Amino acid sequence: MTPRRRAADGVVALLALGVWLLMPPVISLFVGPERLFGVPVLVVYLFGVWFAFILATMLLSRRLPRIRDDAPPRLPLPVESAGEPRAERPAESQGGRG
């Protein structure tokens, strides 16, 4: 498996984990009167998960290869755009004005 494919699979896995961690049955585990440093545990959980996803996304994006500006195009250009002039359309077929 190529590193690009592994990183792309990591993005999908991160999305699945994010959906699972933010589902109501999982979030309901943190609902209650408990507080951490005066903040409800639910709020700490939600912001902690959010921060962890931002950090994981940053790390995964560094593993993906960058697109180079000097890279040649993947598909060849059509023959007509490689320097040959296009055939002009007749004037009467350009919208019917006149």
C-alpha atoms as a PDB file:
ATOM      1  CA  MET A   1       0.000   0.000   0.000  1.00  0.00           C
ATOM      2  CA  THR A   2       1.386   3.386  -0.987  1.00  0.00           C
ATOM      3  CA  PRO A   3       1.855   6.167   1.576  1.00  0.00           C
ATOM      4  CA  ARG A   4      -0.706   8.300  -0.269  1.00  0.00           C
ATOM      5  CA  ARG A   5      -3.274   5.513  -0.061  1.00  0.00           C
ATOM      6  CA  ARG A   6      -2.536   4.964   3.631  1.00  0.00           C
ATOM      7  CA  ALA A   7      -3.013   8.678   4.341  1.00  0.00           C
ATOM      8  CA  ALA A   8      -6.271   8.709   2.361  1.00  0.00           C
ATOM      9  CA  ASP A   9      -7.483   5.703   4.350  1.00  0.00           C
ATOM     10  CA  GLY A  10      -6.503   7.564   7.515  1.00  0.00           C
ATOM     11  CA  VAL A  11      -8.726  10.465   6.491  1.00  0.00           C
ATOM     12  CA  VAL A  12     -11.675   8.095   6.050  1.00  0.00           C
ATOM     13  CA  ALA A  13     -10.939   6.425   9.399  1.00  0.00           C
ATOM     14  CA  LEU A  14     -10.709   9.834  11.097  1.00  0.00           C
ATOM     15  CA  LEU A  15     -14.091  10.791   9.649  1.00  0.00           C
ATOM     16  CA  ALA A  16     -15.657   7.548  10.885  1.00  0.00           C
ATOM     17  CA  LEU A  17     -14.135   8.026  14.343  1.00  0.00           C
ATOM     18  CA  GLY A  18     -15.401  11.606  14.434  1.00  0.00           C
ATOM     19  CA  VAL A  19     -18.926  10.584  13.571  1.00  0.00           C
ATOM     20  CA  TRP A  20     -18.837   7.881  16.221  1.00  0.00           C
ATOM     21  CA  LEU A  21     -17.411  10.138  18.970  1.00  0.00           C
ATOM     22  CA  LEU A  22     -20.016  12.822  18.321  1.00  0.00           C
ATOM     23  CA  MET A  23     -23.054  10.522  18.267  1.00  0.00           C
ATOM     24  CA  PRO A  24     -25.617  11.132  21.018  1.00  0.00           C
ATOM     25  CA  PRO A  25     -25.093   7.734  22.760  1.00  0.00           C
ATOM     26  CA  VAL A  26     -21.385   8.487  23.230  1.00  0.00           C
ATOM     27  CA  ILE A  27     -21.943  12.132  24.166  1.00  0.00           C
ATOM     28  CA  SER A  28     -24.587  11.121  26.709  1.00  0.00           C
ATOM     29  CA  LEU A  29     -21.848   9.347  28.701  1.00  0.00           C
ATOM     30  CA  PHE A  30     -20.514  12.784  29.625  1.00  0.00           C
ATOM     31  CA  VAL A  31     -23.819  14.422  30.593  1.00  0.00           C
ATOM     32  CA  GLY A  32     -24.043  15.020  34.305  1.00  0.00           C
ATOM     33  CA  PRO A  33     -23.448  17.473  37.103  1.00  0.00           C
ATOM     34  CA  GLU A  34     -19.691  16.790  37.244  1.00  0.00           C
ATOM     35  CA  ARG A  35     -17.361  19.669  36.510  1.00  0.00           C
ATOM     36  CA  LEU A  36     -13.700  19.861  35.618  1.00  0.00           C
ATOM     37  CA  PHE A  37     -12.097  23.138  36.725  1.00  0.00           C
ATOM     38  CA  GLY A  38     -15.593  24.640  36.941  1.00  0.00           C
ATOM     39  CA  VAL A  39     -16.526  23.615  33.386  1.00  0.00           C
ATOM     40  CA  PRO A  40     -19.096  20.871  32.690  1.00  0.00           C
ATOM     41  CA  VAL A  41     -17.456  17.620  31.594  1.00  0.00           C
ATOM     42  CA  LEU A  42     -19.593  17.574  28.451  1.00  0.00           C
ATOM     43  CA  VAL A  43     -18.123  20.893  27.295  1.00  0.00           C
ATOM     44  CA  VAL A  44     -14.581  19.689  28.030  1.00  0.00           C
ATOM     45  CA  TYR A  45     -15.299  16.493  26.053  1.00  0.00           C
ATOM     46  CA  LEU A  46     -16.720  18.310  23.023  1.00  0.00           C
ATOM     47  CA  PHE A  47     -13.900  20.837  22.834  1.00  0.00           C
ATOM     48  CA  GLY A  48     -11.321  18.101  23.469  1.00  0.00           C
ATOM     49  CA  VAL A  49     -12.678  15.986  20.612  1.00  0.00           C
ATOM     50  CA  TRP A  50     -12.795  19.043  18.367  1.00  0.00           C
ATOM     51  CA  PHE A  51      -9.181  19.949  19.180  1.00  0.00           C
ATOM     52  CA  ALA A  52      -8.051  16.332  18.672  1.00  0.00           C
ATOM     53  CA  PHE A  53      -9.653  16.276  15.200  1.00  0.00           C
ATOM     54  CA  ILE A  54      -7.973  19.512  14.195  1.00  0.00           C
ATOM     55  CA  LEU A  55      -4.622  18.143  15.349  1.00  0.00           C
ATOM     56  CA  ALA A  56      -5.149  14.768  13.640  1.00  0.00           C
ATOM     57  CA  THR A  57      -6.221  16.474  10.405  1.00  0.00           C
ATOM     58  CA  MET A  58      -3.095  18.631  10.467  1.00  0.00           C
ATOM     59  CA  LEU A  59      -0.875  15.574  10.957  1.00  0.00           C
ATOM     60  CA  LEU A  60      -2.634  13.623   8.199  1.00  0.00           C
ATOM     61  CA  SER A  61      -2.427  16.529   5.769  1.00  0.00           C
ATOM     62  CA  ARG A  62       1.343  16.637   6.225  1.00  0.00           C
ATOM     63  CA  ARG A  63       1.551  13.007   5.110  1.00  0.00           C
ATOM     64  CA  LEU A  64      -0.300  13.656   1.850  1.00  0.00           C
ATOM     65  CA  PRO A  65       1.971  14.558  -1.073  1.00  0.00           C
ATOM     66  CA  ARG A  66       1.899  18.141  -2.192  1.00  0.00           C
ATOM     67  CA  ILE A  67       0.804  19.139  -5.685  1.00  0.00           C
ATOM     68  CA  ARG A  68       3.747  20.687  -7.500  1.00  0.00           C
ATOM     69  CA  ASP A  69       3.242  23.678  -9.777  1.00  0.00           C
ATOM     70  CA  ASP A  70       5.943  22.509 -12.180  1.00  0.00           C
ATOM     71  CA  ALA A  71       4.433  19.029 -12.619  1.00  0.00           C
ATOM     72  CA  PRO A  72       3.304  18.237 -16.164  1.00  0.00           C
ATOM     73  CA  PRO A  73      -0.439  17.865 -16.728  1.00  0.00           C
ATOM     74  CA  ARG A  74      -1.712  14.336 -16.366  1.00  0.00           C
ATOM     75  CA  LEU A  75      -3.821  14.366 -19.522  1.00  0.00           C
ATOM     76  CA  PRO A  76      -2.556  15.534 -22.912  1.00  0.00           C
ATOM     77  CA  LEU A  77      -4.080  18.703 -24.286  1.00  0.00           C
ATOM     78  CA  PRO A  78      -6.641  18.326 -27.082  1.00  0.00           C
ATOM     79  CA  VAL A  79      -5.169  18.657 -30.564  1.00  0.00           C
ATOM     80  CA  GLU A  80      -7.167  21.782 -31.408  1.00  0.00           C
ATOM     81  CA  SER A  81      -5.760  23.710 -28.415  1.00  0.00           C
ATOM     82  CA  ALA A  82      -2.152  22.799 -29.212  1.00  0.00           C
ATOM     83  CA  GLY A  83      -1.735  25.687 -31.657  1.00  0.00           C
ATOM     84  CA  GLU A  84      -4.188  24.965 -34.467  1.00  0.00           C
ATOM     85  CA  PRO A  85      -6.820  27.682 -34.997  1.00  0.00           C
ATOM     86  CA  ARG A  86     -10.432  26.748 -34.371  1.00  0.00           C
ATOM     87  CA  ALA A  87     -12.981  26.940 -37.131  1.00  0.00           C
ATOM     88  CA  GLU A  88     -15.130  30.059 -36.848  1.00  0.00           C
ATOM     89  CA  ARG A  89     -18.862  29.625 -36.440  1.00  0.00           C
ATOM     90  CA  PRO A  90     -21.158  31.344 -38.929  1.00  0.00           C
ATOM     91  CA  ALA A  91     -22.543  34.701 -37.735  1.00  0.00           C
ATOM     92  CA  GLU A  92     -26.198  33.642 -37.986  1.00  0.00           C
ATOM     93  CA  SER A  93     -25.745  30.792 -35.471  1.00  0.00           C
ATOM     94  CA  GLN A  94     -24.372  33.001 -32.676  1.00  0.00           C
ATOM     95  CA  GLY A  95     -27.572  33.655 -30.769  1.00  0.00           C
ATOM     96  CA  GLY A  96     -29.992  34.791 -33.442  1.00  0.00           C
ATOM     97  CA  ARG A  97     -29.385  38.532 -32.991  1.00  0.00           C
ATOM     98  CA  GLY A  98     -29.236  40.741 -35.927  1.00  0.00           C
END
